N, C-alpha and C. Protein backbone atom coordinates (compact mmCIF):
# COMPACT_ATOMS: atom_id res chain seq x y z
N MET A 1 139.36 51.42 93.76
CA MET A 1 139.71 52.63 94.51
C MET A 1 139.42 52.38 95.99
N ASN A 2 140.44 52.63 96.86
CA ASN A 2 140.18 52.39 98.26
C ASN A 2 139.34 53.53 98.85
N MET A 3 138.75 53.27 100.03
CA MET A 3 137.82 54.21 100.64
C MET A 3 138.49 55.51 101.02
N LYS A 4 139.77 55.44 101.42
CA LYS A 4 140.47 56.65 101.84
C LYS A 4 140.62 57.61 100.67
N ARG A 5 141.04 57.04 99.52
CA ARG A 5 141.22 57.90 98.35
C ARG A 5 139.88 58.46 97.88
N PHE A 6 138.81 57.63 97.95
CA PHE A 6 137.48 58.07 97.56
C PHE A 6 137.02 59.25 98.42
N ALA A 7 137.29 59.16 99.73
CA ALA A 7 136.89 60.24 100.64
C ALA A 7 137.62 61.53 100.32
N VAL A 8 138.90 61.43 99.97
CA VAL A 8 139.67 62.63 99.62
C VAL A 8 139.10 63.29 98.38
N ILE A 9 138.74 62.49 97.38
CA ILE A 9 138.17 63.04 96.13
C ILE A 9 136.83 63.72 96.41
N VAL A 10 135.99 63.08 97.22
CA VAL A 10 134.68 63.66 97.54
C VAL A 10 134.84 64.99 98.26
N MET A 11 135.75 65.04 99.23
CA MET A 11 135.96 66.28 99.97
C MET A 11 136.50 67.39 99.08
N ALA A 12 137.39 67.04 98.16
CA ALA A 12 137.93 68.03 97.24
C ALA A 12 136.84 68.58 96.33
N ALA A 13 135.98 67.70 95.84
CA ALA A 13 134.87 68.13 94.98
C ALA A 13 133.90 69.02 95.74
N LEU A 14 133.61 68.65 96.98
CA LEU A 14 132.71 69.45 97.80
C LEU A 14 133.28 70.83 98.06
N GLY A 15 134.60 70.89 98.31
CA GLY A 15 135.24 72.18 98.53
C GLY A 15 135.15 73.07 97.32
N THR A 16 135.34 72.48 96.13
CA THR A 16 135.22 73.26 94.89
C THR A 16 133.81 73.77 94.72
N LEU A 17 132.81 72.93 95.01
CA LEU A 17 131.41 73.32 94.87
C LEU A 17 131.07 74.48 95.79
N LEU A 18 131.51 74.41 97.03
CA LEU A 18 131.22 75.47 97.98
C LEU A 18 131.90 76.77 97.60
N ALA A 19 133.10 76.64 97.04
CA ALA A 19 133.84 77.85 96.66
C ALA A 19 133.19 78.58 95.51
N THR A 20 132.51 77.82 94.63
CA THR A 20 131.91 78.43 93.45
C THR A 20 130.43 78.72 93.61
N ALA A 21 129.80 78.26 94.67
CA ALA A 21 128.37 78.49 94.87
C ALA A 21 128.12 79.97 95.11
N PRO A 22 127.02 80.52 94.54
CA PRO A 22 126.73 81.95 94.74
C PRO A 22 126.39 82.24 96.19
N ARG A 23 126.85 83.35 96.69
CA ARG A 23 126.55 83.75 98.05
C ARG A 23 125.20 84.46 98.09
N ALA A 24 124.44 84.20 99.15
CA ALA A 24 123.16 84.89 99.31
C ALA A 24 123.40 86.38 99.51
N GLN A 25 122.61 87.18 98.82
CA GLN A 25 122.76 88.62 98.93
C GLN A 25 121.97 89.14 100.13
N ALA A 26 122.61 89.96 100.94
CA ALA A 26 121.93 90.56 102.08
C ALA A 26 120.99 91.65 101.59
N ASP A 27 119.85 91.81 102.28
CA ASP A 27 118.93 92.88 101.94
C ASP A 27 119.57 94.23 102.26
N THR A 28 119.16 95.24 101.52
CA THR A 28 119.63 96.61 101.75
C THR A 28 118.50 97.40 102.40
N THR A 29 118.80 98.07 103.50
CA THR A 29 117.83 98.92 104.18
C THR A 29 118.12 100.37 103.84
N CYS A 30 117.09 101.10 103.47
CA CYS A 30 117.27 102.49 103.03
C CYS A 30 116.45 103.44 103.89
N ASN A 31 117.10 104.44 104.45
CA ASN A 31 116.44 105.51 105.20
C ASN A 31 117.21 106.81 104.98
N THR A 32 117.37 107.16 103.69
CA THR A 32 118.17 108.35 103.37
C THR A 32 117.82 108.83 101.97
N THR A 33 118.43 109.94 101.56
CA THR A 33 118.29 110.48 100.20
C THR A 33 119.61 110.31 99.47
N TYR A 34 119.54 109.70 98.28
CA TYR A 34 120.73 109.54 97.45
C TYR A 34 120.65 110.53 96.29
N SER A 35 121.72 111.26 96.06
CA SER A 35 121.76 112.25 94.98
C SER A 35 122.45 111.70 93.73
N THR A 36 123.01 110.49 93.82
CA THR A 36 123.62 109.83 92.66
C THR A 36 122.96 108.48 92.44
N PHE A 37 123.06 107.97 91.22
CA PHE A 37 122.44 106.69 90.88
C PHE A 37 123.02 105.58 91.75
N GLN A 38 122.13 104.71 92.24
CA GLN A 38 122.53 103.64 93.15
C GLN A 38 122.20 102.27 92.55
N THR A 39 123.09 101.31 92.78
CA THR A 39 122.85 99.92 92.41
C THR A 39 122.66 99.10 93.69
N ILE A 40 121.49 98.51 93.81
CA ILE A 40 121.15 97.70 94.97
C ILE A 40 121.10 96.24 94.53
N THR A 41 122.04 95.44 95.02
CA THR A 41 122.09 94.02 94.68
C THR A 41 121.30 93.24 95.72
N GLY A 42 120.23 92.59 95.26
CA GLY A 42 119.35 91.90 96.19
C GLY A 42 118.10 92.72 96.44
N ASN A 43 117.47 92.50 97.60
CA ASN A 43 116.22 93.17 97.93
C ASN A 43 116.46 94.51 98.61
N LEU A 44 115.49 95.41 98.41
CA LEU A 44 115.52 96.73 99.05
C LEU A 44 114.37 96.81 100.04
N ASN A 45 114.66 97.17 101.28
CA ASN A 45 113.65 97.34 102.31
C ASN A 45 113.66 98.78 102.81
N VAL A 46 112.50 99.40 102.84
CA VAL A 46 112.35 100.72 103.48
C VAL A 46 111.67 100.47 104.81
N PRO A 47 112.36 100.66 105.94
CA PRO A 47 111.80 100.27 107.23
C PRO A 47 110.65 101.18 107.66
N ASN A 48 109.95 100.77 108.68
CA ASN A 48 108.79 101.51 109.17
C ASN A 48 109.13 102.97 109.42
N ASN A 49 108.28 103.86 108.91
CA ASN A 49 108.35 105.31 109.12
C ASN A 49 109.58 105.98 108.53
N ALA A 50 110.32 105.26 107.69
CA ALA A 50 111.51 105.84 107.05
C ALA A 50 111.13 106.48 105.72
N THR A 51 112.05 107.31 105.20
CA THR A 51 111.91 107.87 103.85
C THR A 51 113.16 107.53 103.06
N CYS A 52 112.96 106.86 101.92
CA CYS A 52 114.05 106.46 101.04
C CYS A 52 113.83 107.17 99.71
N TYR A 53 114.80 107.97 99.29
CA TYR A 53 114.63 108.84 98.13
C TYR A 53 115.82 108.66 97.19
N PHE A 54 115.57 108.09 96.01
CA PHE A 54 116.60 107.95 94.99
C PHE A 54 116.40 109.06 93.96
N ALA A 55 117.01 110.19 94.22
CA ALA A 55 116.78 111.38 93.39
C ALA A 55 117.35 111.23 91.99
N ALA A 56 118.40 110.42 91.83
CA ALA A 56 119.03 110.21 90.53
C ALA A 56 118.81 108.80 90.02
N GLY A 57 117.87 108.08 90.62
CA GLY A 57 117.52 106.75 90.14
C GLY A 57 118.26 105.63 90.84
N ALA A 58 117.80 104.40 90.55
CA ALA A 58 118.39 103.22 91.18
C ALA A 58 118.12 101.99 90.34
N SER A 59 118.98 100.98 90.51
CA SER A 59 118.79 99.65 89.95
C SER A 59 118.71 98.69 91.12
N VAL A 60 117.56 98.03 91.29
CA VAL A 60 117.35 97.06 92.36
C VAL A 60 117.19 95.70 91.71
N THR A 61 118.07 94.75 92.05
CA THR A 61 118.04 93.45 91.38
C THR A 61 117.03 92.49 91.98
N GLY A 62 116.48 92.81 93.15
CA GLY A 62 115.50 91.95 93.80
C GLY A 62 114.16 92.64 93.94
N ASN A 63 113.47 92.35 95.05
CA ASN A 63 112.18 92.96 95.36
C ASN A 63 112.36 94.22 96.20
N THR A 64 111.32 95.04 96.21
CA THR A 64 111.33 96.25 97.04
C THR A 64 110.11 96.23 97.94
N THR A 65 110.34 96.42 99.25
CA THR A 65 109.27 96.40 100.23
C THR A 65 109.28 97.70 101.01
N VAL A 66 108.11 98.32 101.15
CA VAL A 66 107.98 99.60 101.84
C VAL A 66 107.18 99.37 103.12
N GLY A 67 107.78 99.68 104.27
CA GLY A 67 107.20 99.35 105.56
C GLY A 67 106.09 100.28 106.01
N ASN A 68 105.59 100.03 107.21
CA ASN A 68 104.48 100.80 107.78
C ASN A 68 104.86 102.28 107.87
N GLY A 69 104.02 103.14 107.29
CA GLY A 69 104.25 104.58 107.37
C GLY A 69 105.45 105.06 106.60
N ALA A 70 106.09 104.20 105.82
CA ALA A 70 107.33 104.56 105.12
C ALA A 70 107.05 105.11 103.73
N THR A 71 108.03 105.86 103.20
CA THR A 71 107.90 106.51 101.90
C THR A 71 109.07 106.15 101.02
N LEU A 72 108.79 105.85 99.74
CA LEU A 72 109.81 105.51 98.76
C LEU A 72 109.63 106.35 97.51
N PHE A 73 110.71 106.97 97.05
CA PHE A 73 110.77 107.64 95.75
C PHE A 73 111.88 107.00 94.94
N ILE A 74 111.58 106.55 93.72
CA ILE A 74 112.61 106.15 92.77
C ILE A 74 112.36 106.94 91.49
N LEU A 75 113.27 107.81 91.14
CA LEU A 75 113.14 108.67 89.98
C LEU A 75 114.11 108.19 88.92
N GLY A 76 113.67 107.16 88.18
CA GLY A 76 114.49 106.59 87.12
C GLY A 76 115.16 105.30 87.55
N GLY A 77 115.19 104.30 86.64
CA GLY A 77 115.91 103.07 86.94
C GLY A 77 115.08 101.83 86.77
N THR A 78 115.44 100.78 87.50
CA THR A 78 114.79 99.48 87.37
C THR A 78 114.63 98.81 88.72
N VAL A 79 113.56 98.02 88.84
CA VAL A 79 113.37 97.08 89.94
C VAL A 79 113.08 95.74 89.29
N SER A 80 113.96 94.77 89.47
CA SER A 80 113.80 93.50 88.77
C SER A 80 112.64 92.68 89.29
N GLY A 81 112.32 92.81 90.56
CA GLY A 81 111.24 92.03 91.16
C GLY A 81 109.98 92.84 91.35
N ASN A 82 109.33 92.64 92.51
CA ASN A 82 108.07 93.33 92.83
C ASN A 82 108.33 94.58 93.67
N VAL A 83 107.35 95.48 93.64
CA VAL A 83 107.32 96.62 94.56
C VAL A 83 106.06 96.47 95.38
N GLN A 84 106.22 96.35 96.71
CA GLN A 84 105.09 96.09 97.58
C GLN A 84 105.12 97.04 98.77
N GLY A 85 103.95 97.63 99.04
CA GLY A 85 103.79 98.47 100.22
C GLY A 85 102.46 98.16 100.88
N ASN A 86 102.48 97.87 102.17
CA ASN A 86 101.26 97.61 102.93
C ASN A 86 101.31 98.46 104.19
N ASN A 87 100.26 99.27 104.39
CA ASN A 87 100.25 100.23 105.51
C ASN A 87 101.38 101.25 105.38
N CYS A 88 101.79 101.51 104.16
CA CYS A 88 102.90 102.44 103.95
C CYS A 88 102.42 103.88 103.99
N GLY A 89 103.37 104.81 103.76
CA GLY A 89 103.03 106.20 103.57
C GLY A 89 102.73 106.42 102.10
N THR A 90 103.81 106.61 101.31
CA THR A 90 103.68 106.94 99.89
C THR A 90 104.73 106.18 99.10
N VAL A 91 104.36 105.75 97.88
CA VAL A 91 105.30 105.14 96.94
C VAL A 91 105.21 105.92 95.63
N VAL A 92 106.36 106.40 95.15
CA VAL A 92 106.42 107.16 93.90
C VAL A 92 107.47 106.53 92.99
N LEU A 93 107.04 106.14 91.79
CA LEU A 93 107.92 105.56 90.78
C LEU A 93 107.77 106.37 89.50
N VAL A 94 108.83 107.03 89.08
CA VAL A 94 108.81 107.83 87.86
C VAL A 94 109.92 107.33 86.95
N SER A 95 109.56 106.96 85.73
CA SER A 95 110.52 106.44 84.75
C SER A 95 111.26 105.22 85.30
N VAL A 96 110.50 104.27 85.81
CA VAL A 96 111.04 103.05 86.41
C VAL A 96 110.48 101.84 85.66
N ALA A 97 111.33 100.88 85.35
CA ALA A 97 110.91 99.61 84.76
C ALA A 97 110.85 98.57 85.88
N VAL A 98 109.67 98.04 86.15
CA VAL A 98 109.46 97.05 87.20
C VAL A 98 109.25 95.69 86.55
N GLY A 99 110.06 94.70 86.94
CA GLY A 99 109.98 93.39 86.34
C GLY A 99 108.82 92.55 86.83
N GLY A 100 108.28 92.86 88.01
CA GLY A 100 107.19 92.10 88.59
C GLY A 100 105.94 92.93 88.75
N ASN A 101 105.29 92.81 89.92
CA ASN A 101 104.06 93.52 90.22
C ASN A 101 104.32 94.76 91.06
N VAL A 102 103.39 95.71 90.99
CA VAL A 102 103.36 96.83 91.92
C VAL A 102 102.06 96.70 92.72
N GLN A 103 102.19 96.48 94.03
CA GLN A 103 101.04 96.22 94.89
C GLN A 103 101.12 97.14 96.11
N ILE A 104 100.19 98.11 96.15
CA ILE A 104 100.18 99.09 97.24
C ILE A 104 98.80 99.08 97.88
N GLY A 105 98.75 98.79 99.19
CA GLY A 105 97.48 98.70 99.87
C GLY A 105 97.52 99.20 101.30
N ASN A 106 96.38 99.73 101.75
CA ASN A 106 96.20 100.16 103.15
C ASN A 106 97.17 101.27 103.55
N CYS A 107 97.58 102.08 102.58
CA CYS A 107 98.54 103.14 102.87
C CYS A 107 97.82 104.45 103.18
N ARG A 108 98.52 105.36 103.86
CA ARG A 108 97.86 106.54 104.41
C ARG A 108 98.48 107.86 103.98
N GLY A 109 99.55 107.82 103.18
CA GLY A 109 100.23 109.05 102.85
C GLY A 109 100.96 109.62 104.06
N THR A 110 101.59 110.76 103.88
CA THR A 110 102.26 111.44 104.98
C THR A 110 101.92 112.92 104.90
N THR A 111 102.31 113.67 105.91
CA THR A 111 102.06 115.11 105.89
C THR A 111 102.77 115.77 104.72
N THR A 112 103.99 115.35 104.45
CA THR A 112 104.76 115.92 103.34
C THR A 112 104.29 115.40 101.99
N TYR A 113 103.97 114.12 101.92
CA TYR A 113 103.56 113.48 100.67
C TYR A 113 102.20 112.82 100.89
N PRO A 114 101.10 113.56 100.68
CA PRO A 114 99.77 113.06 101.04
C PRO A 114 99.13 112.18 99.96
N TYR A 115 99.92 111.28 99.38
CA TYR A 115 99.46 110.43 98.28
C TYR A 115 99.58 108.95 98.68
N GLY A 116 98.92 108.11 97.88
CA GLY A 116 99.09 106.67 98.05
C GLY A 116 100.24 106.18 97.20
N VAL A 117 99.97 105.98 95.90
CA VAL A 117 101.02 105.54 94.98
C VAL A 117 100.93 106.36 93.71
N ILE A 118 102.09 106.80 93.22
CA ILE A 118 102.19 107.53 91.96
C ILE A 118 103.14 106.76 91.05
N VAL A 119 102.63 106.31 89.90
CA VAL A 119 103.45 105.63 88.90
C VAL A 119 103.29 106.42 87.60
N GLU A 120 104.40 106.94 87.11
CA GLU A 120 104.35 107.81 85.93
C GLU A 120 105.51 107.48 84.99
N LEU A 121 105.19 107.42 83.69
CA LEU A 121 106.22 107.19 82.66
C LEU A 121 107.01 105.92 82.94
N SER A 122 106.33 104.90 83.43
CA SER A 122 107.00 103.68 83.88
C SER A 122 106.43 102.45 83.16
N THR A 123 107.13 101.33 83.33
CA THR A 123 106.70 100.05 82.77
C THR A 123 106.59 99.02 83.88
N ILE A 124 105.46 98.32 83.94
CA ILE A 124 105.24 97.26 84.92
C ILE A 124 104.97 95.98 84.14
N ARG A 125 105.84 94.99 84.29
CA ARG A 125 105.67 93.75 83.53
C ARG A 125 104.60 92.85 84.13
N GLY A 126 104.26 93.06 85.38
CA GLY A 126 103.21 92.29 86.03
C GLY A 126 101.94 93.10 86.18
N ASP A 127 101.29 92.98 87.36
CA ASP A 127 100.04 93.67 87.65
C ASP A 127 100.29 94.96 88.43
N PHE A 128 99.33 95.88 88.31
CA PHE A 128 99.29 97.07 89.16
C PHE A 128 98.05 96.94 90.04
N GLN A 129 98.26 96.85 91.35
CA GLN A 129 97.16 96.71 92.30
C GLN A 129 97.24 97.81 93.34
N CYS A 130 96.18 98.61 93.41
CA CYS A 130 96.13 99.74 94.33
C CYS A 130 94.80 99.64 95.07
N HIS A 131 94.84 99.36 96.37
CA HIS A 131 93.59 99.04 97.06
C HIS A 131 93.61 99.49 98.52
N ASN A 132 92.46 99.92 99.00
CA ASN A 132 92.24 100.22 100.42
C ASN A 132 93.17 101.30 100.95
N ASN A 133 93.59 102.20 100.09
CA ASN A 133 94.40 103.33 100.54
C ASN A 133 93.47 104.49 100.92
N THR A 134 93.77 105.16 102.03
CA THR A 134 93.00 106.32 102.46
C THR A 134 93.97 107.47 102.66
N VAL A 135 93.94 108.43 101.74
CA VAL A 135 94.92 109.52 101.74
C VAL A 135 94.19 110.83 101.48
N ASP A 136 94.95 111.93 101.53
CA ASP A 136 94.35 113.23 101.28
C ASP A 136 94.03 113.40 99.80
N GLN A 137 94.93 112.94 98.91
CA GLN A 137 94.73 113.10 97.47
C GLN A 137 95.49 112.02 96.71
N TYR A 138 94.97 111.71 95.51
CA TYR A 138 95.62 110.75 94.62
C TYR A 138 95.97 109.43 95.33
N ALA A 139 94.94 108.72 95.74
CA ALA A 139 95.19 107.40 96.34
C ALA A 139 95.93 106.50 95.36
N CYS A 140 95.56 106.59 94.07
CA CYS A 140 96.21 105.81 93.01
C CYS A 140 96.40 106.72 91.81
N PHE A 141 97.62 106.83 91.33
CA PHE A 141 97.93 107.70 90.20
C PHE A 141 98.78 106.90 89.23
N LEU A 142 98.18 106.51 88.12
CA LEU A 142 98.87 105.72 87.09
C LEU A 142 98.75 106.50 85.79
N PHE A 143 99.89 106.98 85.28
CA PHE A 143 99.86 107.98 84.22
C PHE A 143 100.95 107.73 83.19
N PHE A 144 100.57 107.69 81.92
CA PHE A 144 101.51 107.53 80.82
C PHE A 144 102.46 106.35 81.05
N SER A 145 101.91 105.24 81.47
CA SER A 145 102.72 104.06 81.77
C SER A 145 102.20 102.85 81.00
N GLN A 146 103.01 101.80 81.00
CA GLN A 146 102.64 100.54 80.36
C GLN A 146 102.56 99.46 81.43
N VAL A 147 101.42 98.78 81.47
CA VAL A 147 101.21 97.67 82.40
C VAL A 147 100.92 96.43 81.57
N MET A 148 101.78 95.41 81.68
CA MET A 148 101.63 94.21 80.87
C MET A 148 100.70 93.19 81.51
N GLY A 149 100.28 93.43 82.73
CA GLY A 149 99.31 92.57 83.40
C GLY A 149 97.99 93.28 83.56
N ASN A 150 97.34 93.07 84.71
CA ASN A 150 96.05 93.68 85.03
C ASN A 150 96.23 94.94 85.86
N VAL A 151 95.24 95.82 85.79
CA VAL A 151 95.19 97.01 86.65
C VAL A 151 93.93 96.90 87.50
N GLN A 152 94.11 96.91 88.83
CA GLN A 152 92.99 96.83 89.77
C GLN A 152 93.09 97.99 90.75
N VAL A 153 92.07 98.83 90.76
CA VAL A 153 92.02 100.01 91.63
C VAL A 153 90.72 99.92 92.42
N THR A 154 90.79 99.53 93.69
CA THR A 154 89.59 99.21 94.45
C THR A 154 89.65 99.74 95.87
N ASN A 155 88.50 100.23 96.34
CA ASN A 155 88.29 100.57 97.76
C ASN A 155 89.25 101.65 98.28
N ASN A 156 89.55 102.63 97.43
CA ASN A 156 90.43 103.72 97.84
C ASN A 156 89.62 104.97 98.15
N VAL A 157 90.11 105.77 99.09
CA VAL A 157 89.43 106.99 99.49
C VAL A 157 90.42 108.15 99.47
N SER A 158 90.04 109.23 98.77
CA SER A 158 90.80 110.48 98.80
C SER A 158 89.98 111.49 99.58
N SER A 159 90.40 111.81 100.77
CA SER A 159 89.56 112.58 101.68
C SER A 159 89.33 114.01 101.22
N SER A 160 90.22 114.55 100.39
CA SER A 160 90.07 115.93 99.91
C SER A 160 89.25 115.99 98.63
N SER A 161 88.70 114.86 98.19
CA SER A 161 87.93 114.75 96.95
C SER A 161 88.79 114.91 95.71
N ILE A 162 90.12 114.85 95.82
CA ILE A 162 90.99 114.79 94.66
C ILE A 162 91.13 113.33 94.26
N ALA A 163 90.54 112.99 93.13
CA ALA A 163 90.33 111.59 92.76
C ALA A 163 91.61 110.90 92.33
N SER A 164 91.55 109.57 92.34
CA SER A 164 92.60 108.78 91.71
C SER A 164 92.60 109.04 90.20
N VAL A 165 93.75 108.82 89.58
CA VAL A 165 93.92 109.09 88.15
C VAL A 165 94.43 107.83 87.46
N ILE A 166 93.74 107.40 86.43
CA ILE A 166 94.17 106.30 85.56
C ILE A 166 94.09 106.84 84.14
N ALA A 167 95.20 107.33 83.59
CA ALA A 167 95.13 108.09 82.35
C ALA A 167 96.31 107.80 81.44
N ALA A 168 96.02 107.69 80.12
CA ALA A 168 97.03 107.63 79.06
C ALA A 168 97.96 106.43 79.21
N ASN A 169 97.43 105.33 79.71
CA ASN A 169 98.24 104.12 79.90
C ASN A 169 97.95 103.08 78.82
N ALA A 170 98.90 102.18 78.62
CA ALA A 170 98.70 101.00 77.78
C ALA A 170 98.62 99.79 78.71
N ILE A 171 97.44 99.17 78.78
CA ILE A 171 97.18 98.06 79.70
C ILE A 171 96.93 96.80 78.87
N SER A 172 97.80 95.82 79.02
CA SER A 172 97.75 94.64 78.16
C SER A 172 96.63 93.68 78.52
N LYS A 173 96.22 93.64 79.78
CA LYS A 173 95.17 92.71 80.19
C LYS A 173 93.93 93.50 80.60
N ASN A 174 93.45 93.32 81.83
CA ASN A 174 92.17 93.89 82.22
C ASN A 174 92.33 95.11 83.12
N LEU A 175 91.29 95.96 83.10
CA LEU A 175 91.21 97.14 83.96
C LEU A 175 89.97 97.00 84.82
N GLU A 176 90.13 97.20 86.13
CA GLU A 176 89.00 97.12 87.06
C GLU A 176 89.11 98.23 88.08
N CYS A 177 88.04 99.01 88.22
CA CYS A 177 87.97 100.07 89.23
C CYS A 177 86.65 99.93 89.97
N GLN A 178 86.70 99.70 91.29
CA GLN A 178 85.49 99.47 92.07
C GLN A 178 85.59 100.17 93.42
N ASN A 179 84.47 100.78 93.85
CA ASN A 179 84.29 101.27 95.22
C ASN A 179 85.32 102.32 95.63
N ASN A 180 85.74 103.15 94.70
CA ASN A 180 86.67 104.24 95.03
C ASN A 180 85.88 105.53 95.28
N ILE A 181 86.31 106.29 96.29
CA ILE A 181 85.65 107.55 96.64
C ILE A 181 86.70 108.68 96.65
N PRO A 182 86.55 109.65 95.72
CA PRO A 182 85.62 109.68 94.59
C PRO A 182 86.07 108.72 93.49
N ALA A 183 85.21 108.57 92.47
CA ALA A 183 85.55 107.69 91.34
C ALA A 183 86.78 108.23 90.61
N PRO A 184 87.60 107.35 90.07
CA PRO A 184 88.80 107.81 89.34
C PRO A 184 88.44 108.65 88.12
N THR A 185 89.44 109.38 87.64
CA THR A 185 89.32 110.18 86.42
C THR A 185 90.45 109.82 85.48
N ASN A 186 90.27 110.17 84.19
CA ASN A 186 91.38 109.99 83.25
C ASN A 186 91.80 111.31 82.60
N PHE A 187 91.31 112.44 83.16
CA PHE A 187 91.69 113.77 82.65
C PHE A 187 91.38 113.94 81.16
N GLY A 188 90.51 113.08 80.63
CA GLY A 188 90.25 113.14 79.20
C GLY A 188 91.34 112.54 78.34
N LEU A 189 92.27 111.80 78.97
CA LEU A 189 93.37 111.15 78.26
C LEU A 189 93.11 109.65 78.30
N PRO A 190 92.59 109.06 77.23
CA PRO A 190 92.15 107.66 77.27
C PRO A 190 93.30 106.67 77.43
N ASN A 191 92.96 105.56 78.05
CA ASN A 191 93.87 104.42 78.16
C ASN A 191 93.63 103.47 77.00
N THR A 192 94.63 102.70 76.66
CA THR A 192 94.47 101.59 75.72
C THR A 192 94.42 100.31 76.53
N VAL A 193 93.25 99.66 76.55
CA VAL A 193 93.04 98.45 77.35
C VAL A 193 92.79 97.29 76.39
N THR A 194 93.68 96.33 76.38
CA THR A 194 93.56 95.21 75.45
C THR A 194 92.61 94.15 75.95
N GLY A 195 92.58 93.93 77.26
CA GLY A 195 91.81 92.81 77.81
C GLY A 195 90.32 93.00 77.77
N ASN A 196 89.77 93.94 78.55
CA ASN A 196 88.32 94.09 78.66
C ASN A 196 87.90 95.51 78.28
N ALA A 197 88.42 95.99 77.19
CA ALA A 197 88.22 97.40 76.82
C ALA A 197 86.74 97.78 76.78
N ASN A 198 86.39 98.82 77.61
CA ASN A 198 85.05 99.42 77.62
C ASN A 198 83.95 98.43 77.98
N GLN A 199 84.28 97.44 78.78
CA GLN A 199 83.28 96.48 79.24
C GLN A 199 82.80 96.86 80.64
N SER A 200 81.68 96.29 81.04
CA SER A 200 81.11 96.62 82.35
C SER A 200 82.04 96.22 83.48
N SER A 201 82.92 95.23 83.23
CA SER A 201 83.85 94.80 84.27
C SER A 201 84.88 95.86 84.63
N GLU A 202 84.97 96.91 83.83
CA GLU A 202 85.86 98.01 84.18
C GLU A 202 85.30 98.84 85.33
N GLY A 203 83.99 98.71 85.62
CA GLY A 203 83.40 99.41 86.74
C GLY A 203 83.49 100.91 86.58
N GLN A 204 84.06 101.58 87.61
CA GLN A 204 84.17 103.04 87.59
C GLN A 204 85.07 103.56 86.47
N CYS A 205 85.88 102.69 85.89
CA CYS A 205 86.77 103.11 84.82
C CYS A 205 86.24 102.73 83.43
N LYS A 206 84.96 102.40 83.34
CA LYS A 206 84.37 102.07 82.04
C LYS A 206 84.46 103.29 81.12
N GLY A 207 84.93 103.05 79.90
CA GLY A 207 85.07 104.12 78.93
C GLY A 207 86.38 104.89 79.04
N PHE A 208 87.25 104.44 79.97
CA PHE A 208 88.54 105.13 80.14
C PHE A 208 89.49 104.82 78.99
């Protein structure tokens, strides 16, 4: 085979490869309220000080990031990756299946939504980490949900003395609650903890 013909074949193969290669998905930025179910292909970003509200649910195929002072509500649906908020306002997930971790830290709530993170009737395939949030009430609220990883609730402060809630959950690995003011409550609704059930390592959540 001569070099000219070889070059033509290589270029043709390269062109086919480029034509069939998947295109990178652009991130979606949300600063609005949706009244119908939304499908987000790729990552979802809530920019600083914005409010993103999925009133009828959403499907996010990537990760979800909540910016400084920002608020996110997802009422039904799925997030294939992680949900992360650092220095955010509030994150609320109700009836949401999360494929990765939920990690909310250093958040302050907002005047309208004075909470840290609320996860209810949801499934988290990774870990739930709620730490260093200082809000008016419910720095961490995990209720009637399934967490297939660990649950860590540490160094949170609810200034109105309305405590964090860890109640009626199924936790596949370990539960740890440390240095929260006030100490979390379970409303008398026990959790099922497979990893370190009722051990001293549960800290403030011992016996939950």
